[in-house]
């Protein structure tokens, strides 16, 4: 091997020092440069992996919160629909009650009006009978040309009223 070193003009002593210097440099670089850099790279890798885990946890939390929010919105809609349905039922019941009361009141008013019409018609008929009786007496008096006594007048009025008494009235007369 000595011929190899002599062929290339290599000084073995210098080569030994260079190898020792290189090993010392390698040791110093490893101790003061590569280890801190590797430690920082490892630390940074851990931070990145922790950040990724935190991001995944945050994504899961967001998904859970979204699901809870959707469930709450769905529940709120359901409750709102139930409240609307109850309000509609109450409104319908109230409407039906008011309509029923209005119909009852209208029937009462209609019945009262019919009764008043019948009473007014009876009063008018009685008044007309009285006027007709007076006119008949006056006409009879003119025909006979003499005055009648009270007894004869009463008999004639009673006979006339018996003939004029109304029979059953028709429906068109009542309406």
N, C-alpha and C. Protein backbone atom coordinates (compact mmCIF):
# COMPACT_ATOMS: atom_id res chain seq x y z
N UNK A 1 0.82 -1.16 0.00
CA UNK A 1 0.00 0.00 0.00
C UNK A 1 0.88 1.25 0.00
N UNK A 2 2.00 1.14 0.48
CA UNK A 2 2.92 2.25 0.48
C UNK A 2 3.21 2.72 -0.92
N UNK A 3 3.21 1.81 -1.93
CA UNK A 3 3.46 2.20 -3.30
C UNK A 3 2.30 3.06 -3.80
N UNK A 4 1.11 2.75 -3.36
CA UNK A 4 -0.08 3.52 -3.75
C UNK A 4 0.06 4.94 -3.26
N UNK A 5 0.45 5.11 -1.97
CA UNK A 5 0.57 6.45 -1.41
C UNK A 5 1.71 7.21 -2.09
N UNK A 6 2.78 6.50 -2.46
CA UNK A 6 3.90 7.17 -3.11
C UNK A 6 3.55 7.51 -4.54
N UNK A 7 2.74 6.70 -5.21
CA UNK A 7 2.37 6.97 -6.59
C UNK A 7 1.53 8.26 -6.66
N UNK A 8 0.77 8.50 -5.69
CA UNK A 8 -0.09 9.70 -5.71
C UNK A 8 0.49 10.81 -4.84
N UNK A 9 1.60 10.69 -4.33
CA UNK A 9 2.30 11.63 -3.48
C UNK A 9 1.45 12.00 -2.28
N UNK A 10 1.07 11.04 -1.56
CA UNK A 10 0.24 11.26 -0.39
C UNK A 10 1.13 11.11 0.82
N UNK A 11 1.04 12.15 1.71
CA UNK A 11 1.80 12.09 2.95
C UNK A 11 0.87 11.45 3.97
N UNK A 12 1.27 10.30 4.55
CA UNK A 12 0.45 9.53 5.47
C UNK A 12 0.23 10.32 6.75
N UNK A 13 1.21 11.03 7.21
CA UNK A 13 1.06 11.80 8.43
C UNK A 13 0.01 12.90 8.23
N UNK A 14 0.10 13.60 7.10
CA UNK A 14 -0.89 14.63 6.83
C UNK A 14 -2.28 14.01 6.66
N UNK A 15 -2.31 12.87 6.02
CA UNK A 15 -3.59 12.19 5.82
C UNK A 15 -4.19 11.79 7.17
N UNK A 16 -3.40 11.34 8.08
CA UNK A 16 -3.86 10.98 9.41
C UNK A 16 -4.42 12.19 10.14
N UNK A 17 -3.64 13.35 10.07
CA UNK A 17 -4.15 14.57 10.69
C UNK A 17 -5.46 15.04 10.06
N UNK A 18 -5.53 14.92 8.76
CA UNK A 18 -6.75 15.34 8.08
C UNK A 18 -7.94 14.47 8.49
N UNK A 19 -7.69 13.17 8.64
CA UNK A 19 -8.75 12.26 9.07
C UNK A 19 -9.15 12.60 10.49
N UNK A 20 -8.18 12.87 11.37
CA UNK A 20 -8.49 13.23 12.75
C UNK A 20 -9.24 14.56 12.77
N UNK A 21 -8.77 15.54 11.99
CA UNK A 21 -9.46 16.83 11.93
C UNK A 21 -10.89 16.66 11.42
N UNK A 22 -11.05 15.80 10.41
CA UNK A 22 -12.40 15.57 9.86
C UNK A 22 -13.30 14.93 10.91
N UNK A 23 -12.80 13.98 11.66
CA UNK A 23 -13.59 13.32 12.71
C UNK A 23 -13.94 14.31 13.82
N UNK A 24 -12.97 15.19 14.18
CA UNK A 24 -13.24 16.19 15.20
C UNK A 24 -14.31 17.16 14.69
N UNK A 25 -14.14 17.59 13.42
CA UNK A 25 -15.13 18.50 12.83
C UNK A 25 -16.51 17.83 12.79
N UNK A 26 -16.53 16.56 12.42
CA UNK A 26 -17.79 15.82 12.37
C UNK A 26 -18.41 15.71 13.76
N UNK A 27 -17.59 15.45 14.78
CA UNK A 27 -18.08 15.38 16.16
C UNK A 27 -18.65 16.72 16.58
N UNK A 28 -17.92 17.84 16.32
CA UNK A 28 -18.36 19.17 16.73
C UNK A 28 -19.65 19.58 15.98
N UNK A 29 -19.66 19.29 14.68
CA UNK A 29 -20.88 19.61 13.92
C UNK A 29 -22.06 18.81 14.44
N UNK A 30 -21.82 17.55 14.73
CA UNK A 30 -22.90 16.70 15.25
C UNK A 30 -23.37 17.21 16.60
N UNK A 31 -22.46 17.55 17.47
CA UNK A 31 -22.83 17.96 18.82
C UNK A 31 -23.48 19.34 18.83
N UNK A 32 -22.93 20.31 18.15
CA UNK A 32 -23.41 21.67 18.26
C UNK A 32 -24.36 22.11 17.12
N UNK A 33 -24.41 21.36 16.06
CA UNK A 33 -25.25 21.80 14.96
C UNK A 33 -26.32 20.78 14.62
N UNK A 34 -25.96 19.55 14.33
CA UNK A 34 -26.95 18.57 13.88
C UNK A 34 -27.93 18.17 14.97
N UNK A 35 -27.42 17.96 16.20
CA UNK A 35 -28.34 17.56 17.29
C UNK A 35 -29.37 18.66 17.58
N UNK A 36 -28.98 19.96 17.73
CA UNK A 36 -30.00 20.99 17.97
C UNK A 36 -30.97 21.12 16.78
N UNK A 37 -30.39 21.02 15.57
CA UNK A 37 -31.27 21.13 14.40
C UNK A 37 -32.25 19.96 14.38
N UNK A 38 -31.76 18.77 14.64
CA UNK A 38 -32.63 17.58 14.65
C UNK A 38 -33.65 17.68 15.79
N UNK A 39 -33.19 18.19 16.94
CA UNK A 39 -34.12 18.36 18.06
C UNK A 39 -35.22 19.35 17.68
N UNK A 40 -34.80 20.44 17.03
CA UNK A 40 -35.82 21.43 16.60
C UNK A 40 -36.73 20.84 15.54
N UNK A 41 -36.18 20.08 14.63
CA UNK A 41 -37.01 19.44 13.60
C UNK A 41 -37.99 18.45 14.23
N UNK A 42 -37.50 17.68 15.21
CA UNK A 42 -38.40 16.75 15.91
C UNK A 42 -39.48 17.52 16.66
N UNK A 43 -39.05 18.60 17.34
CA UNK A 43 -40.01 19.42 18.08
C UNK A 43 -41.04 20.02 17.13
N UNK A 44 -40.57 20.50 15.98
CA UNK A 44 -41.48 21.08 15.00
C UNK A 44 -42.42 20.01 14.43
N UNK A 45 -41.89 18.84 14.19
CA UNK A 45 -42.72 17.72 13.70
C UNK A 45 -43.80 17.36 14.72
N UNK A 46 -43.43 17.37 16.00
CA UNK A 46 -44.42 17.10 17.04
C UNK A 46 -45.49 18.20 17.08
N UNK A 47 -45.05 19.48 16.95
CA UNK A 47 -46.02 20.57 16.92
C UNK A 47 -46.96 20.43 15.72
N UNK A 48 -46.40 20.06 14.59
CA UNK A 48 -47.23 19.91 13.39
C UNK A 48 -48.22 18.76 13.58
N UNK A 49 -47.73 17.63 14.11
CA UNK A 49 -48.65 16.50 14.32
C UNK A 49 -49.69 16.84 15.39
N UNK A 50 -49.27 17.57 16.44
CA UNK A 50 -50.23 18.01 17.45
C UNK A 50 -51.24 18.97 16.82
N UNK A 51 -50.76 19.89 15.96
CA UNK A 51 -51.66 20.81 15.27
C UNK A 51 -52.65 20.05 14.39
N UNK A 52 -52.17 19.02 13.69
CA UNK A 52 -53.07 18.21 12.86
C UNK A 52 -54.11 17.48 13.72
N UNK A 53 -53.66 16.94 14.85
CA UNK A 53 -54.60 16.28 15.76
C UNK A 53 -55.63 17.27 16.29
N UNK A 54 -55.14 18.47 16.67
CA UNK A 54 -56.06 19.50 17.15
C UNK A 54 -57.04 19.92 16.06
N UNK A 55 -56.54 20.02 14.82
CA UNK A 55 -57.41 20.39 13.71
C UNK A 55 -58.47 19.31 13.49
N UNK A 56 -58.06 18.03 13.58
CA UNK A 56 -59.03 16.94 13.44
C UNK A 56 -60.05 16.98 14.58
N UNK A 57 -59.58 17.24 15.80
CA UNK A 57 -60.50 17.33 16.94
C UNK A 57 -61.45 18.51 16.76
N UNK A 58 -60.92 19.64 16.28
CA UNK A 58 -61.76 20.82 16.05
C UNK A 58 -62.79 20.51 14.96
N UNK A 59 -62.37 19.78 13.92
CA UNK A 59 -63.31 19.41 12.84
C UNK A 59 -64.41 18.51 13.40
N UNK A 60 -64.02 17.55 14.26
CA UNK A 60 -65.04 16.68 14.88
C UNK A 60 -65.97 17.50 15.77
N UNK A 61 -65.40 18.44 16.54
CA UNK A 61 -66.22 19.30 17.40
C UNK A 61 -67.18 20.16 16.57
N UNK A 62 -66.65 20.70 15.46
CA UNK A 62 -67.52 21.50 14.58
C UNK A 62 -68.65 20.64 14.02
N UNK A 63 -68.32 19.43 13.63
CA UNK A 63 -69.35 18.53 13.08
C UNK A 63 -70.39 18.20 14.15
N UNK A 64 -69.93 17.95 15.39
CA UNK A 64 -70.87 17.69 16.49
C UNK A 64 -71.73 18.93 16.76
N UNK A 65 -71.09 20.10 16.77
CA UNK A 65 -71.84 21.34 17.01
C UNK A 65 -72.85 21.58 15.90
N UNK A 66 -72.46 21.30 14.65
CA UNK A 66 -73.38 21.46 13.52
C UNK A 66 -74.57 20.51 13.67
N UNK A 67 -74.27 19.25 14.04
CA UNK A 67 -75.35 18.28 14.22
C UNK A 67 -76.28 18.71 15.36
N UNK A 68 -75.69 19.20 16.47
CA UNK A 68 -76.51 19.68 17.59
C UNK A 68 -77.35 20.89 17.18
N UNK A 69 -76.73 21.80 16.42
CA UNK A 69 -77.45 22.99 15.95
C UNK A 69 -78.61 22.59 15.04
N UNK A 70 -78.35 21.65 14.13
CA UNK A 70 -79.42 21.19 13.24
C UNK A 70 -80.53 20.51 14.02
N UNK A 71 -80.16 19.74 15.03
CA UNK A 71 -81.17 19.08 15.87
C UNK A 71 -81.99 20.14 16.62
N UNK A 72 -81.30 21.17 17.14
CA UNK A 72 -82.01 22.23 17.86
C UNK A 72 -82.93 23.00 16.91
N UNK A 73 -82.45 23.28 15.71
CA UNK A 73 -83.30 23.98 14.72
C UNK A 73 -84.49 23.12 14.35
N UNK A 74 -84.23 21.83 14.16
CA UNK A 74 -85.33 20.91 13.82
C UNK A 74 -86.35 20.86 14.96
N UNK A 75 -85.87 20.80 16.18
CA UNK A 75 -86.77 20.77 17.35
C UNK A 75 -87.56 22.07 17.45
N UNK A 76 -86.87 23.19 17.20
CA UNK A 76 -87.55 24.49 17.26
C UNK A 76 -88.62 24.58 16.18
N UNK A 77 -88.32 24.08 14.98
CA UNK A 77 -89.32 24.08 13.90
C UNK A 77 -90.51 23.21 14.28
N UNK A 78 -90.20 22.07 14.86
CA UNK A 78 -91.28 21.15 15.26
C UNK A 78 -92.17 21.82 16.31
N UNK A 79 -91.55 22.45 17.31
CA UNK A 79 -92.32 23.15 18.34
C UNK A 79 -93.12 24.30 17.74
N UNK A 80 -92.51 25.04 16.80
CA UNK A 80 -93.22 26.14 16.15
C UNK A 80 -94.43 25.62 15.39
N UNK A 81 -94.25 24.51 14.67
CA UNK A 81 -95.37 23.93 13.93
C UNK A 81 -96.47 23.48 14.88
N UNK A 82 -96.08 22.89 16.02
CA UNK A 82 -97.08 22.47 17.00
C UNK A 82 -97.82 23.69 17.56
N UNK A 83 -97.08 24.77 17.84
CA UNK A 83 -97.71 25.98 18.37
C UNK A 83 -98.67 26.57 17.33
N UNK A 84 -98.26 26.57 16.08
CA UNK A 84 -99.13 27.08 15.01
C UNK A 84 -100.38 26.22 14.90
N UNK A 85 -100.20 24.89 14.98
CA UNK A 85 -101.35 24.00 14.89
C UNK A 85 -102.31 24.25 16.06
N UNK A 86 -101.75 24.42 17.28
CA UNK A 86 -102.61 24.71 18.44
C UNK A 86 -103.33 26.04 18.26
N UNK A 87 -102.60 27.05 17.78
CA UNK A 87 -103.21 28.37 17.58
C UNK A 87 -104.32 28.29 16.53
N UNK A 88 -104.07 27.53 15.46
CA UNK A 88 -105.10 27.38 14.42
C UNK A 88 -106.32 26.67 14.98
N UNK A 89 -106.11 25.65 15.82
CA UNK A 89 -107.23 24.92 16.41
C UNK A 89 -108.03 25.84 17.33
N UNK A 90 -107.32 26.62 18.15
CA UNK A 90 -108.00 27.56 19.05
C UNK A 90 -108.78 28.58 18.23
N UNK A 91 -108.16 29.08 17.16
CA UNK A 91 -108.84 30.07 16.31
C UNK A 91 -110.08 29.45 15.67
N UNK A 92 -109.95 28.21 15.19
CA UNK A 92 -111.10 27.54 14.56
C UNK A 92 -112.21 27.30 15.59
N UNK A 93 -111.83 26.86 16.79
CA UNK A 93 -112.83 26.64 17.84
C UNK A 93 -113.53 27.95 18.20
N UNK A 94 -112.73 29.02 18.35
CA UNK A 94 -113.30 30.33 18.68
C UNK A 94 -114.22 30.80 17.56
N UNK A 95 -113.78 30.61 16.32
CA UNK A 95 -114.59 31.01 15.16
C UNK A 95 -115.92 30.26 15.18
N UNK A 96 -115.85 28.93 15.40
CA UNK A 96 -117.08 28.12 15.43
C UNK A 96 -117.99 28.56 16.58
N UNK A 97 -117.40 28.87 17.72
CA UNK A 97 -118.19 29.31 18.87
C UNK A 97 -118.87 30.64 18.57
N UNK A 98 -118.12 31.57 17.97
CA UNK A 98 -118.68 32.88 17.64
C UNK A 98 -119.79 32.72 16.61
N UNK A 99 -119.56 31.87 15.59
CA UNK A 99 -120.60 31.63 14.59
C UNK A 99 -121.85 31.02 15.22
N UNK A 100 -121.64 30.08 16.13
CA UNK A 100 -122.78 29.44 16.81
C UNK A 100 -123.56 30.47 17.62
N UNK A 101 -122.84 31.31 18.36
CA UNK A 101 -123.51 32.34 19.14
C UNK A 101 -124.23 33.33 18.23
N UNK A 102 -123.62 33.67 17.12
CA UNK A 102 -124.24 34.61 16.18
C UNK A 102 -125.51 34.00 15.58
N UNK A 103 -125.44 32.71 15.23
CA UNK A 103 -126.64 32.04 14.69
C UNK A 103 -127.76 32.02 15.73
N UNK A 104 -127.39 31.68 16.97
CA UNK A 104 -128.38 31.64 18.04
C UNK A 104 -129.01 33.02 18.23
N UNK A 105 -128.17 34.04 18.26
CA UNK A 105 -128.67 35.40 18.44
C UNK A 105 -129.55 35.80 17.26
N UNK A 106 -129.13 35.43 16.04
CA UNK A 106 -129.92 35.76 14.85
C UNK A 106 -131.28 35.07 14.91
N UNK A 107 -131.29 33.81 15.36
CA UNK A 107 -132.56 33.09 15.49
C UNK A 107 -133.47 33.77 16.52
N UNK A 108 -132.86 34.21 17.65
CA UNK A 108 -133.66 34.90 18.67
C UNK A 108 -134.26 36.20 18.11
N UNK A 109 -133.41 36.96 17.41
CA UNK A 109 -133.88 38.22 16.84
C UNK A 109 -134.96 37.96 15.81
N UNK A 110 -134.75 36.94 14.98
CA UNK A 110 -135.75 36.60 13.96
C UNK A 110 -137.06 36.17 14.60
N UNK A 111 -136.98 35.34 15.64
CA UNK A 111 -138.20 34.90 16.34
C UNK A 111 -138.91 36.09 16.97
N UNK A 112 -138.15 36.96 17.62
CA UNK A 112 -138.74 38.14 18.23
C UNK A 112 -139.40 39.03 17.18
N UNK A 113 -138.74 39.18 16.03
CA UNK A 113 -139.30 40.01 14.96
C UNK A 113 -140.60 39.40 14.44
N UNK A 114 -140.62 38.08 14.27
CA UNK A 114 -141.85 37.42 13.81
C UNK A 114 -142.98 37.62 14.81
N UNK A 115 -142.63 37.47 16.09
CA UNK A 115 -143.65 37.66 17.13
C UNK A 115 -144.18 39.08 17.11
N UNK A 116 -143.28 40.06 16.94
CA UNK A 116 -143.70 41.46 16.89
C UNK A 116 -144.57 41.71 15.65
N UNK A 117 -144.20 41.08 14.53
CA UNK A 117 -144.99 41.25 13.30
C UNK A 117 -146.39 40.69 13.49
N UNK A 118 -146.45 39.47 14.10
CA UNK A 118 -147.77 38.85 14.33
C UNK A 118 -148.59 39.71 15.28
N UNK A 119 -147.98 40.23 16.35
CA UNK A 119 -148.70 41.07 17.31
C UNK A 119 -149.18 42.35 16.63
N UNK A 120 -148.30 42.95 15.83
CA UNK A 120 -148.68 44.18 15.12
C UNK A 120 -149.80 43.91 14.13
N UNK A 121 -149.73 42.76 13.46
CA UNK A 121 -150.77 42.40 12.51
C UNK A 121 -152.10 42.20 13.24
N UNK A 122 -152.07 41.52 14.40
CA UNK A 122 -153.29 41.31 15.18
C UNK A 122 -153.88 42.64 15.63
N UNK A 123 -152.99 43.59 16.09
CA UNK A 123 -153.48 44.90 16.50
C UNK A 123 -154.11 45.64 15.32
N UNK A 124 -153.43 45.54 14.18
CA UNK A 124 -153.96 46.22 12.99
C UNK A 124 -155.30 45.61 12.58
N UNK A 125 -155.39 44.28 12.66
CA UNK A 125 -156.65 43.61 12.29
C UNK A 125 -157.78 44.03 13.25
N UNK A 126 -157.45 44.11 14.53
CA UNK A 126 -158.46 44.52 15.51
C UNK A 126 -158.92 45.95 15.24
N UNK A 127 -157.95 46.81 14.92
CA UNK A 127 -158.29 48.19 14.63
C UNK A 127 -159.14 48.28 13.36
N UNK A 128 -158.77 47.49 12.36
CA UNK A 128 -159.53 47.49 11.11
C UNK A 128 -160.94 46.96 11.34
N UNK A 129 -161.05 45.93 12.17
CA UNK A 129 -162.39 45.39 12.48
C UNK A 129 -163.27 46.46 13.12
N UNK A 130 -162.66 47.20 14.06
CA UNK A 130 -163.41 48.27 14.71
C UNK A 130 -163.85 49.32 13.71
N UNK A 131 -162.94 49.72 12.82
CA UNK A 131 -163.28 50.73 11.82
C UNK A 131 -164.33 50.20 10.84
N UNK A 132 -164.18 48.92 10.44
CA UNK A 132 -165.15 48.32 9.53
C UNK A 132 -166.52 48.26 10.20
N UNK A 133 -166.55 47.94 11.49
CA UNK A 133 -167.82 47.86 12.20
C UNK A 133 -168.48 49.24 12.23
N UNK A 134 -167.67 50.27 12.51
CA UNK A 134 -168.22 51.62 12.54
C UNK A 134 -168.76 52.02 11.16
N UNK A 135 -167.97 51.71 10.13
CA UNK A 135 -168.40 52.04 8.76
C UNK A 135 -169.67 51.26 8.39
N UNK A 136 -169.70 50.00 8.82
CA UNK A 136 -170.88 49.18 8.50
C UNK A 136 -172.12 49.75 9.20
N UNK A 137 -171.94 50.16 10.45
CA UNK A 137 -173.07 50.76 11.18
C UNK A 137 -173.52 52.05 10.51
N UNK A 138 -172.51 52.85 10.11
CA UNK A 138 -172.88 54.09 9.46
C UNK A 138 -173.60 53.82 8.15
N UNK A 139 -173.12 52.83 7.39
CA UNK A 139 -173.76 52.49 6.12
C UNK A 139 -175.14 51.91 6.37
N UNK A 140 -175.26 51.05 7.38
CA UNK A 140 -176.56 50.46 7.69
C UNK A 140 -177.52 51.53 8.14
N UNK A 141 -177.01 52.49 8.90
CA UNK A 141 -177.86 53.57 9.37
C UNK A 141 -178.38 54.40 8.21
N UNK A 142 -177.55 54.62 7.23
CA UNK A 142 -177.97 55.39 6.07
C UNK A 142 -178.97 54.59 5.25
N UNK A 143 -178.77 53.29 5.19
CA UNK A 143 -179.70 52.46 4.43
C UNK A 143 -181.06 52.43 5.11
N UNK A 144 -181.05 52.29 6.35
CA UNK A 144 -182.30 52.19 7.07
C UNK A 144 -182.90 53.57 7.27
N UNK A 145 -182.15 54.57 7.28
CA UNK A 145 -182.51 55.96 7.41
C UNK A 145 -183.12 56.29 8.76
N UNK A 146 -182.80 55.62 9.66
CA UNK A 146 -183.22 56.01 11.00
C UNK A 146 -182.17 55.55 11.99
N UNK A 147 -182.23 56.06 13.12
CA UNK A 147 -181.26 55.74 14.16
C UNK A 147 -181.65 54.45 14.82
N UNK A 148 -180.61 53.70 15.15
CA UNK A 148 -180.86 52.44 15.84
C UNK A 148 -180.55 52.64 17.30
N UNK A 149 -181.21 51.82 18.09
CA UNK A 149 -180.92 51.91 19.52
C UNK A 149 -179.65 51.10 19.81
N UNK A 150 -179.14 51.24 21.04
CA UNK A 150 -177.88 50.58 21.42
C UNK A 150 -177.98 49.07 21.31
N UNK A 151 -179.08 48.51 21.68
CA UNK A 151 -179.25 47.07 21.67
C UNK A 151 -179.17 46.55 20.24
N UNK A 152 -179.79 47.20 19.31
CA UNK A 152 -179.80 46.78 17.91
C UNK A 152 -178.38 46.95 17.32
N UNK A 153 -177.71 48.05 17.71
CA UNK A 153 -176.35 48.27 17.19
C UNK A 153 -175.42 47.15 17.65
N UNK A 154 -175.51 46.80 18.92
CA UNK A 154 -174.63 45.76 19.46
C UNK A 154 -174.88 44.45 18.74
N UNK A 155 -176.13 44.11 18.52
CA UNK A 155 -176.44 42.85 17.86
C UNK A 155 -175.88 42.84 16.44
N UNK A 156 -176.03 43.93 15.72
CA UNK A 156 -175.51 44.01 14.35
C UNK A 156 -173.97 43.93 14.35
N UNK A 157 -173.31 44.60 15.29
CA UNK A 157 -171.84 44.56 15.36
C UNK A 157 -171.37 43.14 15.66
N UNK A 158 -172.00 42.47 16.59
CA UNK A 158 -171.59 41.11 16.94
C UNK A 158 -171.80 40.17 15.76
N UNK A 159 -172.87 40.31 15.05
CA UNK A 159 -173.10 39.46 13.87
C UNK A 159 -172.04 39.74 12.80
N UNK A 160 -171.75 41.02 12.60
CA UNK A 160 -170.77 41.38 11.58
C UNK A 160 -169.38 40.84 11.93
N UNK A 161 -169.01 41.01 13.21
CA UNK A 161 -167.69 40.53 13.64
C UNK A 161 -167.60 39.01 13.55
N UNK A 162 -168.71 38.33 13.82
CA UNK A 162 -168.71 36.86 13.70
C UNK A 162 -168.47 36.47 12.24
N UNK A 163 -169.00 37.24 11.30
CA UNK A 163 -168.80 36.94 9.89
C UNK A 163 -167.39 37.33 9.43
N UNK A 164 -166.82 38.40 9.99
CA UNK A 164 -165.52 38.91 9.54
C UNK A 164 -164.36 38.20 10.21
N UNK A 165 -164.57 37.46 11.30
CA UNK A 165 -163.47 36.81 12.03
C UNK A 165 -162.59 36.07 11.03
N UNK A 166 -161.29 36.28 11.14
CA UNK A 166 -160.39 35.65 10.16
C UNK A 166 -160.26 34.17 10.44
N UNK A 167 -160.14 33.42 9.35
CA UNK A 167 -159.87 31.98 9.46
C UNK A 167 -158.36 31.83 9.57
N UNK A 168 -157.87 30.65 9.31
CA UNK A 168 -156.41 30.46 9.36
C UNK A 168 -155.74 31.33 8.31
N UNK A 169 -154.69 32.04 8.72
CA UNK A 169 -154.01 32.95 7.80
C UNK A 169 -153.02 32.16 6.98
N UNK A 170 -152.78 32.63 5.75
CA UNK A 170 -151.86 31.91 4.86
C UNK A 170 -150.42 32.29 5.21
N UNK A 171 -149.48 31.51 4.72
CA UNK A 171 -148.06 31.73 5.00
C UNK A 171 -147.59 33.04 4.40
N UNK A 172 -148.09 33.40 3.24
CA UNK A 172 -147.65 34.63 2.60
C UNK A 172 -148.07 35.85 3.40
N UNK A 173 -149.16 35.75 4.13
CA UNK A 173 -149.60 36.89 4.94
C UNK A 173 -148.69 37.04 6.15
N UNK A 174 -148.14 35.92 6.64
CA UNK A 174 -147.26 35.99 7.83
C UNK A 174 -145.89 36.53 7.46
N UNK A 175 -145.38 36.20 6.32
CA UNK A 175 -144.03 36.57 5.96
C UNK A 175 -143.91 37.98 5.55
